[in-house]
Amino acid sequence: MGQCGSVASLRVSSPPESCIDLHEAAPYDTPMGPDSKLRTDADVEDVYHLGPALGYGGFSKVRLATHRETRKKYAAKIIPLPPRGSATNKYNSSRAMILREVDVIQRLDHPCLVKLHEWYVHDGKLYLIMDLLAGGELLDEVEEHGPLTEPQARGIFLQLLLGVQFMHSIGIVHRDLKLENLLLERQGDIASVKIVDFGFAKKCRDSADECLTTVCGTPEYMAPEVVRGSSKIRAMLEGSPTTESDFTPYSAACDLWSCGVILYMLLSGQPPFSSTSHPRLLRSIVAGRFSFEGPAWKRISPEAQDLIAKLLVVDPRQRLTANAALAHPWMKGSRGSTRSARSSGLLQLAKRLARAASSRLSL
């Protein structure tokens, strides 16, 4: 879970997404179902030695956790819980967000997704015991060792698509796929990519179900239907007054748009949609205005460009699914340039976008 920002000065109160019961009434110390990984038979510090901090999020801290018996190392994500007894909307919203992330993560068991092994409630905090991804961010690795060739980008993108395919097969939509949320299990090993950060993830009945209504994510990676989901954003983009507060539902197809943005950046080192003005950025996304112009794209195969073009389709019904993207000729074949398409400094822009102070929004 991370810190949420805003687009310009927009603040929209979204109606709750009601596709599935997120156990709003469940107390923190009660398992959320028969498959819950909640441990109630021991305190977390009796099972794990909690070591130094590994990182910080907007609402959480990650510490090294070593199992006292096996000596195996994990990452413990520690989230402070809202105090009991509060009945405010802020309390309920925070509580629902925490439970939603736990409910989603404990359903995930796939080599390309970070795994939750077990979780605890102790001393007013939630402890999520997860895979230790010691390799850091994929973006850091690429920046340190230079740009990717097409075969390298294909290997990374395969792992991303397989993770997305699994999530969608069980009705989970990530909603914040970006380079910053792709971590390496081992340092220097780009064949060990895992998808992380499920703070905006949502469980729907199936991947085609248009049950999502919250406008959330990272602007540069957001799909057009997500951007247009709010009437207030539509009014801003169209220059007309807001006359209604409806939210147009969207589906898991939003994740495939984000995948297209990621592949574009892996191959060229630049984002397909970029502007210092949020309204201009969002207008270009809604219109699907991007290009394969510039020296970088002269070295990139037509097959790779075709796959990106079929992912960055404004109409989500015409966009490739994860299954269709995996079956694309570029994914199946070995064709493609083995030369780098970028100079070593071009990923600086991608890194700046990924780590911008207002990198995430939830409207």
Protein backbone atom coordinates (compact mmCIF):
# COMPACT_ATOMS: atom_id res chain seq x y z
CA MET A 1 0.00 0.00 0.00
CA GLY A 2 1.32 3.44 -0.82
CA GLN A 3 0.56 7.06 -0.41
CA CYS A 4 -2.23 8.33 -2.60
CA GLY A 5 -2.04 11.65 -4.36
CA SER A 6 -4.40 13.61 -6.56
CA VAL A 7 -4.65 14.85 -10.11
CA ALA A 8 -4.55 18.65 -10.05
CA SER A 9 -7.00 19.70 -7.33
CA LEU A 10 -9.63 17.10 -8.08
CA ARG A 11 -11.24 15.30 -5.18
CA VAL A 12 -14.07 12.94 -5.97
CA SER A 13 -15.94 10.82 -3.47
CA SER A 14 -16.48 7.47 -5.13
CA PRO A 15 -19.37 5.19 -4.26
CA PRO A 16 -18.22 1.88 -2.81
CA GLU A 17 -17.46 -0.90 -5.26
CA SER A 18 -19.83 -3.67 -4.31
CA CYS A 19 -18.69 -6.57 -6.45
CA ILE A 20 -17.74 -8.69 -3.48
CA ASP A 21 -18.09 -8.57 0.28
CA LEU A 22 -14.78 -7.32 1.64
CA HIS A 23 -15.65 -8.41 5.17
CA GLU A 24 -16.36 -4.91 6.41
CA ALA A 25 -17.74 -6.34 9.66
CA ALA A 26 -14.89 -8.76 10.37
CA PRO A 27 -12.76 -7.86 13.40
CA TYR A 28 -9.00 -7.71 12.88
CA ASP A 29 -8.35 -10.78 14.99
CA THR A 30 -10.83 -12.99 13.12
CA PRO A 31 -9.83 -14.96 9.99
CA MET A 32 -11.60 -13.72 6.86
CA GLY A 33 -12.43 -17.20 5.60
CA PRO A 34 -11.39 -20.86 5.68
CA ASP A 35 -8.30 -20.14 3.56
CA SER A 36 -7.11 -17.21 5.65
CA LYS A 37 -3.41 -17.15 6.46
CA LEU A 38 -3.98 -15.28 9.72
CA ARG A 39 -1.93 -16.76 12.59
CA THR A 40 -3.69 -16.56 15.95
CA ASP A 41 -1.70 -19.25 17.75
CA ALA A 42 1.46 -17.17 18.33
CA ASP A 43 2.79 -13.62 18.46
CA VAL A 44 4.79 -12.50 15.45
CA GLU A 45 7.93 -11.80 17.50
CA ASP A 46 7.82 -15.30 18.96
CA VAL A 47 8.07 -16.72 15.43
CA TYR A 48 10.26 -14.13 13.70
CA HIS A 49 13.18 -11.93 14.62
CA LEU A 50 12.37 -8.50 13.22
CA GLY A 51 15.50 -6.85 11.89
CA PRO A 52 16.29 -3.51 10.24
CA ALA A 53 13.92 -1.51 8.09
CA LEU A 54 14.06 -2.30 4.38
CA GLY A 55 11.76 0.45 3.17
CA TYR A 56 8.83 2.71 3.88
CA GLY A 57 5.48 3.37 2.23
CA GLY A 58 2.84 5.99 2.78
CA PHE A 59 1.18 3.99 5.56
CA SER A 60 3.56 1.12 6.18
CA LYS A 61 7.10 0.04 7.00
CA VAL A 62 8.93 -3.07 5.75
CA ARG A 63 11.42 -4.85 8.02
CA LEU A 64 13.62 -7.87 7.53
CA ALA A 65 12.04 -10.87 9.27
CA THR A 66 14.04 -14.01 10.04
CA HIS A 67 12.18 -17.17 11.04
CA ARG A 68 13.58 -18.19 14.42
CA GLU A 69 13.53 -21.93 13.67
CA THR A 70 14.32 -22.23 9.95
CA ARG A 71 16.43 -19.02 9.73
CA LYS A 72 14.73 -18.27 6.42
CA LYS A 73 14.43 -14.57 5.66
CA TYR A 74 11.22 -12.77 4.71
CA ALA A 75 9.94 -9.22 4.41
CA ALA A 76 7.52 -8.12 7.12
CA LYS A 77 5.18 -5.36 5.96
CA ILE A 78 3.91 -3.58 9.05
CA ILE A 79 0.72 -1.52 8.85
CA PRO A 80 -0.63 0.44 11.83
CA LEU A 81 -4.29 -0.32 12.43
CA PRO A 82 -6.87 2.42 13.03
CA PRO A 83 -7.86 2.46 16.71
CA ARG A 84 -10.83 0.39 17.75
CA GLY A 85 -14.05 2.07 18.72
CA SER A 86 -13.98 4.73 15.99
CA ALA A 87 -17.00 4.97 13.73
CA THR A 88 -15.75 7.70 11.41
CA ASN A 89 -15.78 7.38 7.63
CA LYS A 90 -11.99 7.80 7.63
CA TYR A 91 -11.63 4.85 10.00
CA ASN A 92 -13.96 2.66 7.94
CA SER A 93 -12.20 3.60 4.70
CA SER A 94 -8.73 2.84 6.07
CA ARG A 95 -9.93 -0.40 7.60
CA ALA A 96 -11.57 -1.51 4.36
CA MET A 97 -8.42 -0.72 2.39
CA ILE A 98 -6.24 -2.74 4.74
CA LEU A 99 -8.58 -5.73 4.72
CA ARG A 100 -8.94 -5.54 0.95
CA GLU A 101 -5.20 -5.75 0.38
CA VAL A 102 -4.85 -8.70 2.77
CA ASP A 103 -7.87 -10.44 1.26
CA VAL A 104 -6.38 -10.06 -2.22
CA ILE A 105 -2.78 -10.99 -1.40
CA GLN A 106 -3.63 -14.18 0.47
CA ARG A 107 -5.41 -15.47 -2.67
CA LEU A 108 -2.26 -15.10 -4.80
CA ASP A 109 0.01 -18.09 -5.31
CA HIS A 110 2.01 -17.68 -8.51
CA PRO A 111 5.75 -17.46 -9.27
CA CYS A 112 5.38 -13.98 -10.79
CA LEU A 113 3.50 -12.48 -7.83
CA VAL A 114 4.82 -11.62 -4.40
CA LYS A 115 3.54 -14.22 -1.93
CA LEU A 116 1.97 -13.68 1.47
CA HIS A 117 3.03 -16.58 3.70
CA GLU A 118 1.09 -15.62 6.82
CA TRP A 119 -0.06 -12.58 8.75
CA TYR A 120 -0.43 -11.50 12.34
CA VAL A 121 -2.17 -8.84 14.39
CA HIS A 122 0.02 -7.68 17.27
CA ASP A 123 0.17 -4.57 19.44
CA GLY A 124 -2.10 -2.50 17.22
CA LYS A 125 -0.30 -3.39 14.01
CA LEU A 126 -0.82 -5.76 11.11
CA TYR A 127 2.23 -7.85 10.11
CA LEU A 128 2.27 -9.34 6.61
CA ILE A 129 5.04 -11.95 6.22
CA MET A 130 5.92 -11.91 2.54
CA ASP A 131 8.60 -12.96 0.06
CA LEU A 132 11.88 -11.12 0.53
CA LEU A 133 12.63 -9.51 -2.83
CA ALA A 134 16.26 -8.62 -2.29
CA GLY A 135 16.93 -7.63 -5.90
CA GLY A 136 15.22 -4.27 -5.61
CA GLU A 137 13.31 -2.49 -8.34
CA LEU A 138 13.60 -3.67 -11.94
CA LEU A 139 13.94 -0.02 -12.94
CA ASP A 140 17.06 0.35 -10.80
CA GLU A 141 18.63 -2.75 -12.34
CA VAL A 142 18.01 -1.57 -15.88
CA GLU A 143 19.32 1.88 -15.08
CA GLU A 144 22.51 0.50 -13.53
CA HIS A 145 23.37 -2.00 -16.25
CA GLY A 146 22.04 -0.19 -19.29
CA PRO A 147 19.05 -0.51 -21.59
CA LEU A 148 17.33 -3.73 -22.57
CA THR A 149 17.45 -5.63 -25.81
CA GLU A 150 14.18 -6.95 -27.24
CA PRO A 151 14.86 -10.51 -26.02
CA GLN A 152 15.49 -9.17 -22.51
CA ALA A 153 12.35 -7.03 -22.60
CA ARG A 154 10.39 -10.05 -23.86
CA GLY A 155 11.54 -12.14 -20.91
CA ILE A 156 10.49 -9.49 -18.42
CA PHE A 157 7.19 -8.86 -20.18
CA LEU A 158 6.44 -12.58 -20.21
CA GLN A 159 6.67 -12.66 -16.42
CA LEU A 160 4.42 -9.60 -16.14
CA LEU A 161 1.79 -11.08 -18.46
CA LEU A 162 1.83 -14.45 -16.69
CA GLY A 163 1.23 -12.72 -13.38
CA VAL A 164 -1.60 -10.65 -14.84
CA GLN A 165 -3.09 -13.71 -16.53
CA PHE A 166 -3.24 -15.53 -13.19
CA MET A 167 -4.74 -12.56 -11.34
CA HIS A 168 -7.44 -12.12 -13.96
CA SER A 169 -8.18 -15.85 -14.00
CA ILE A 170 -9.29 -15.58 -10.35
CA GLY A 171 -11.01 -12.22 -10.82
CA ILE A 172 -8.39 -9.92 -9.30
CA VAL A 173 -7.54 -6.59 -10.93
CA HIS A 174 -4.30 -4.90 -9.84
CA ARG A 175 -5.08 -1.30 -10.97
CA ASP A 176 -1.58 0.09 -10.34
CA LEU A 177 0.80 -1.83 -12.59
CA LYS A 178 3.95 0.19 -13.25
CA LEU A 179 7.72 -0.24 -13.40
CA GLU A 180 8.02 0.76 -9.76
CA ASN A 181 5.86 -2.22 -8.79
CA LEU A 182 8.05 -4.81 -10.53
CA LEU A 183 10.72 -6.10 -8.13
CA LEU A 184 13.49 -8.68 -8.49
CA GLU A 185 13.78 -11.66 -6.20
CA ARG A 186 17.55 -11.71 -6.69
CA GLN A 187 19.89 -8.84 -7.48
CA GLY A 188 20.90 -8.69 -11.13
CA ASP A 189 18.46 -11.45 -12.16
CA ILE A 190 15.85 -10.01 -14.53
CA ALA A 191 14.37 -13.50 -14.81
CA SER A 192 13.06 -13.18 -11.22
CA VAL A 193 10.49 -10.39 -11.67
CA LYS A 194 7.52 -10.30 -9.29
CA ILE A 195 4.51 -7.99 -9.20
CA VAL A 196 4.02 -6.20 -5.87
CA ASP A 197 1.80 -3.61 -4.15
CA PHE A 198 -1.85 -4.64 -4.15
CA GLY A 199 -3.16 -1.62 -2.28
CA PHE A 200 -5.50 -0.71 -5.14
CA ALA A 201 -6.26 -4.31 -6.18
CA LYS A 202 -9.88 -5.42 -6.30
CA LYS A 203 -11.71 -8.74 -6.47
CA CYS A 204 -14.42 -8.99 -9.12
CA ARG A 205 -16.52 -11.93 -10.18
CA ASP A 206 -14.50 -12.32 -13.40
CA SER A 207 -12.05 -10.29 -15.47
CA ALA A 208 -14.72 -9.15 -17.95
CA ASP A 209 -17.02 -7.84 -15.22
CA GLU A 210 -17.29 -4.04 -15.37
CA CYS A 211 -17.60 -3.70 -11.62
CA LEU A 212 -14.85 -1.18 -10.84
CA THR A 213 -15.72 2.45 -10.22
CA THR A 214 -12.89 4.06 -8.25
CA VAL A 215 -10.58 6.31 -10.27
CA CYS A 216 -7.19 5.23 -8.92
CA GLY A 217 -3.67 4.36 -9.96
CA THR A 218 -0.66 6.23 -11.34
CA PRO A 219 -1.68 8.81 -13.98
CA GLU A 220 0.97 7.96 -16.62
CA TYR A 221 -0.14 4.31 -16.57
CA MET A 222 -3.91 4.79 -16.24
CA ALA A 223 -6.25 3.47 -18.95
CA PRO A 224 -8.63 5.86 -20.73
CA GLU A 225 -11.72 4.24 -19.23
CA VAL A 226 -10.29 4.76 -15.74
CA VAL A 227 -9.52 8.41 -16.46
CA ARG A 228 -13.02 8.93 -17.85
CA GLY A 229 -14.64 7.02 -15.02
CA SER A 230 -15.41 10.16 -13.06
CA SER A 231 -17.85 12.78 -14.30
CA LYS A 232 -15.72 15.47 -12.63
CA ILE A 233 -12.66 14.45 -14.62
CA ARG A 234 -14.74 14.28 -17.80
CA ALA A 235 -16.00 17.79 -17.11
CA MET A 236 -12.43 19.04 -16.60
CA LEU A 237 -11.21 17.45 -19.82
CA GLU A 238 -14.19 18.61 -21.85
CA GLY A 239 -14.33 22.08 -20.33
CA SER A 240 -17.96 21.74 -19.30
CA PRO A 241 -19.54 22.14 -15.86
CA THR A 242 -20.13 19.10 -13.69
CA THR A 243 -23.79 18.16 -13.77
CA GLU A 244 -23.70 14.68 -12.28
CA SER A 245 -21.56 12.51 -10.05
CA ASP A 246 -21.83 9.19 -11.81
CA PHE A 247 -18.91 6.76 -12.13
CA THR A 248 -18.68 4.71 -15.31
CA PRO A 249 -17.65 1.16 -14.40
CA TYR A 250 -14.57 -0.43 -15.95
CA SER A 251 -13.01 -3.91 -16.02
CA ALA A 252 -9.71 -5.79 -15.75
CA ALA A 253 -8.79 -4.53 -19.22
CA CYS A 254 -7.28 -1.50 -17.47
CA ASP A 255 -4.35 -3.69 -16.40
CA LEU A 256 -3.53 -4.55 -20.01
CA TRP A 257 -3.31 -0.88 -20.92
CA SER A 258 -0.77 -0.46 -18.10
CA CYS A 259 1.14 -3.46 -19.48
CA GLY A 260 1.31 -1.68 -22.84
CA VAL A 261 2.74 1.42 -21.18
CA ILE A 262 5.35 -0.70 -19.37
CA LEU A 263 6.44 -2.49 -22.58
CA TYR A 264 6.69 0.85 -24.40
CA MET A 265 8.98 2.14 -21.63
CA LEU A 266 11.08 -1.04 -21.45
CA LEU A 267 11.81 -0.83 -25.18
CA SER A 268 12.22 2.91 -25.65
CA GLY A 269 13.07 4.28 -22.22
CA GLN A 270 10.35 6.90 -22.52
CA PRO A 271 6.68 6.90 -21.50
CA PRO A 272 4.08 6.97 -24.28
CA PHE A 273 2.10 9.65 -22.44
CA SER A 274 3.90 12.46 -20.63
CA SER A 275 3.19 16.07 -19.73
CA THR A 276 3.92 18.46 -16.89
CA SER A 277 0.24 19.41 -17.07
CA HIS A 278 -2.14 16.81 -15.64
CA PRO A 279 -5.06 17.89 -17.86
CA ARG A 280 -2.89 17.60 -21.01
CA LEU A 281 -1.58 14.22 -19.84
CA LEU A 282 -5.07 12.89 -19.21
CA ARG A 283 -6.38 14.26 -22.52
CA SER A 284 -3.62 12.48 -24.44
CA ILE A 285 -4.42 9.23 -22.62
CA VAL A 286 -8.16 9.51 -23.30
CA ALA A 287 -7.43 10.19 -26.99
CA GLY A 288 -4.82 7.42 -27.16
CA ARG A 289 -2.26 9.81 -28.67
CA PHE A 290 1.18 8.19 -28.76
CA SER A 291 3.70 7.50 -31.49
CA PHE A 292 6.55 5.26 -32.53
CA GLU A 293 8.60 8.17 -33.84
CA GLY A 294 12.14 8.98 -32.86
CA PRO A 295 15.50 7.23 -33.21
CA ALA A 296 14.77 4.64 -30.52
CA TRP A 297 11.91 3.10 -32.49
CA LYS A 298 13.96 2.70 -35.68
CA ARG A 299 15.74 -0.22 -33.97
CA ILE A 300 12.62 -1.86 -32.54
CA SER A 301 10.87 -4.56 -34.55
CA PRO A 302 7.44 -4.06 -36.16
CA GLU A 303 6.17 -7.04 -34.14
CA ALA A 304 6.98 -5.33 -30.85
CA GLN A 305 5.32 -2.12 -32.02
CA ASP A 306 2.25 -4.09 -33.11
CA LEU A 307 1.88 -5.67 -29.67
CA ILE A 308 2.11 -2.28 -27.96
CA ALA A 309 -0.42 -0.79 -30.39
CA LYS A 310 -2.88 -3.59 -29.63
CA LEU A 311 -2.53 -3.02 -25.89
CA LEU A 312 -2.81 0.78 -26.03
CA VAL A 313 -6.27 0.65 -27.60
CA VAL A 314 -8.70 3.21 -26.21
CA ASP A 315 -11.71 0.87 -26.44
CA PRO A 316 -11.17 -1.73 -23.68
CA ARG A 317 -13.37 -4.22 -25.54
CA GLN A 318 -10.91 -4.18 -28.46
CA ARG A 319 -7.79 -4.32 -26.29
CA LEU A 320 -5.82 -7.56 -26.06
CA THR A 321 -6.45 -9.74 -23.03
CA ALA A 322 -3.55 -11.31 -21.14
CA ASN A 323 -4.17 -14.60 -22.98
CA ALA A 324 -4.19 -12.88 -26.36
CA ALA A 325 -1.05 -10.88 -25.55
CA LEU A 326 0.78 -14.07 -24.56
CA ALA A 327 -0.19 -15.57 -27.93
CA HIS A 328 1.06 -12.55 -29.91
CA PRO A 329 3.82 -13.33 -32.47
CA TRP A 330 6.34 -11.10 -30.69
CA MET A 331 5.88 -13.10 -27.49
CA LYS A 332 6.03 -16.43 -29.30
CA GLY A 333 8.95 -15.73 -31.61
CA SER A 334 12.59 -14.91 -31.20
CA ARG A 335 12.58 -12.06 -33.68
CA GLY A 336 13.55 -8.60 -32.56
CA SER A 337 16.59 -6.45 -32.24
CA THR A 338 19.34 -7.62 -29.93
CA ARG A 339 20.71 -4.10 -29.87
CA SER A 340 19.77 -1.60 -27.23
CA ALA A 341 17.16 0.87 -28.40
CA ARG A 342 18.20 3.55 -25.92
CA SER A 343 21.05 5.61 -24.67
CA SER A 344 21.87 4.88 -21.05
CA GLY A 345 20.29 8.08 -19.71
CA LEU A 346 16.80 7.85 -21.16
CA LEU A 347 15.36 5.89 -18.24
CA GLN A 348 15.87 8.91 -15.99
CA LEU A 349 12.53 10.27 -17.17
CA ALA A 350 10.79 6.97 -16.43
CA LYS A 351 12.34 6.92 -12.97
CA ARG A 352 11.22 10.47 -12.29
CA LEU A 353 7.68 9.62 -13.32
CA ALA A 354 7.61 6.45 -11.23
CA ARG A 355 8.76 8.25 -8.09
CA ALA A 356 6.97 11.56 -8.46
CA ALA A 357 5.50 12.83 -5.21
CA SER A 358 2.01 12.66 -6.67
CA SER A 359 2.58 9.32 -8.32
CA ARG A 360 -0.69 7.71 -7.22
CA LEU A 361 -4.20 8.94 -7.10
CA SER A 362 -7.44 7.71 -5.66
CA LEU A 363 -10.44 9.81 -6.48
